[in-house]
Every structure is written in structure tokens, then in C-alpha cells.
Amino acid sequence: MDQQSGTKRPWEERVSEAGARLRNEFQDELQRVVSFIDTEVAPEVRRHGSTALRAAAARLQQLAEHMDDAKHSSPDGKPDGEAR
């Protein structure tokens, strides 16, 4: 490349054009993804997010009860404090 005149060799010009095309295609695709998330994904999460949270809360409640039961029992199945 001739630095003084600013001209590019043919292959450099092709690489530059390809890079610009890829940049534009990437930006277009990114805009489509953002639009899809805004129009399709976010509304679904808003509609069904509370249902998922309630299901997770119920499962966590069951897990907590199981942990409490295990904490109050000895390994041989007898409650703590009983004679062994």
C-alpha cells in the first residue's frame, strides 16, 4: 500500500469492502435479535414468569421441609434426644 497517496491495493480494497459488508450484516442481524426479544420473549416472560417463580417457591418449600426433617432426625431414623 502506498502510504503517501492513500491508495489501496486491489486485495486490500476487497478485504475492506468485505469487512464493511460483514459489519452491516452483523448490525442488521443484531437488530433483528433485539426486536425478537422485545416482541416475543419479553412478553412471554412477563406472562409466565410469576408461574415459574411460584413453582420454584413451592419446590424450595419442599426442600426446606426435607432439610428440617433430616436435621431433626438422627442417621438411624430416631429423633434427636432419644436414647440409642
Protein backbone atom coordinates (compact mmCIF):
# COMPACT_ATOMS: atom_id res chain seq x y z
CA MET A 1 0.00 0.00 0.00
CA ASP A 2 1.26 3.41 -0.88
CA GLN A 3 1.04 5.31 2.40
CA GLN A 4 1.69 8.75 0.88
CA SER A 5 -1.04 8.71 -1.74
CA GLY A 6 -3.54 6.73 0.34
CA THR A 7 -4.31 4.27 -2.45
CA LYS A 8 -5.01 0.64 -1.63
CA ARG A 9 -4.03 -2.47 -3.45
CA PRO A 10 -6.92 -4.41 -5.01
CA TRP A 11 -6.87 -7.16 -2.35
CA GLU A 12 -6.85 -4.59 0.45
CA GLU A 13 -9.88 -2.90 -1.09
CA ARG A 14 -11.72 -6.25 -1.30
CA VAL A 15 -10.90 -7.05 2.33
CA SER A 16 -12.09 -3.62 3.41
CA GLU A 17 -15.35 -3.99 1.45
CA ALA A 18 -15.93 -7.48 2.86
CA GLY A 19 -15.36 -6.17 6.39
CA ALA A 20 -17.85 -3.36 5.84
CA ARG A 21 -20.43 -5.82 4.45
CA LEU A 22 -19.97 -8.15 7.42
CA ARG A 23 -20.29 -5.25 9.84
CA ASN A 24 -23.54 -4.17 8.22
CA GLU A 25 -24.91 -7.73 8.16
CA PHE A 26 -23.99 -8.22 11.81
CA GLN A 27 -25.67 -4.96 12.81
CA ASP A 28 -28.82 -5.93 10.87
CA GLU A 29 -28.92 -9.37 12.48
CA LEU A 30 -28.36 -7.88 15.93
CA GLN A 31 -31.28 -5.52 15.37
CA ARG A 32 -33.48 -8.49 14.37
CA VAL A 33 -32.48 -10.39 17.53
CA VAL A 34 -33.20 -7.40 19.76
CA SER A 35 -36.56 -6.91 18.06
CA PHE A 36 -37.42 -10.60 18.52
CA ILE A 37 -36.55 -10.44 22.22
CA ASP A 38 -38.64 -7.30 22.66
CA THR A 39 -41.69 -8.57 20.77
CA GLU A 40 -41.68 -12.31 21.55
CA VAL A 41 -39.51 -13.25 24.53
CA ALA A 42 -40.09 -10.40 26.97
CA PRO A 43 -43.92 -10.55 26.82
CA GLU A 44 -43.84 -14.34 27.40
CA VAL A 45 -41.57 -13.90 30.40
CA ARG A 46 -43.91 -11.25 31.80
CA ARG A 47 -46.95 -13.50 31.27
CA HIS A 48 -45.45 -16.72 32.62
CA GLY A 49 -42.65 -15.50 34.90
CA SER A 50 -44.81 -15.45 38.01
CA THR A 51 -45.95 -19.02 37.34
CA ALA A 52 -42.35 -20.18 37.14
CA LEU A 53 -41.49 -18.31 40.34
CA ARG A 54 -44.42 -19.90 42.17
CA ALA A 55 -43.35 -23.38 41.04
CA ALA A 56 -39.78 -22.69 42.16
CA ALA A 57 -41.02 -21.37 45.51
CA ALA A 58 -43.12 -24.49 46.09
CA ARG A 59 -40.14 -26.72 45.28
CA LEU A 60 -37.89 -24.69 47.59
CA GLN A 61 -40.51 -25.03 50.35
CA GLN A 62 -40.45 -28.82 49.92
CA LEU A 63 -36.65 -28.83 50.02
CA ALA A 64 -36.62 -26.73 53.20
CA GLU A 65 -39.08 -29.10 54.86
CA HIS A 66 -36.96 -32.08 53.82
CA MET A 67 -33.86 -30.42 55.26
CA ASP A 68 -35.67 -29.63 58.51
CA ASP A 69 -36.89 -33.22 58.78
CA ALA A 70 -33.37 -34.53 58.20
CA LYS A 71 -31.92 -32.11 60.73
CA HIS A 72 -34.33 -33.32 63.45
CA SER A 73 -33.62 -36.99 62.81
CA SER A 74 -30.52 -38.99 63.59
CA PRO A 75 -28.93 -41.18 60.93
CA ASP A 76 -30.69 -44.26 62.34
CA GLY A 77 -34.10 -42.61 61.86
CA LYS A 78 -34.74 -41.76 65.56
CA PRO A 79 -35.45 -38.14 66.51
CA ASP A 80 -32.59 -36.34 68.26
CA GLY A 81 -32.68 -36.65 72.01
CA GLU A 82 -33.97 -40.24 72.17
CA ALA A 83 -31.92 -42.91 73.85
CA ARG A 84 -29.99 -45.01 71.42
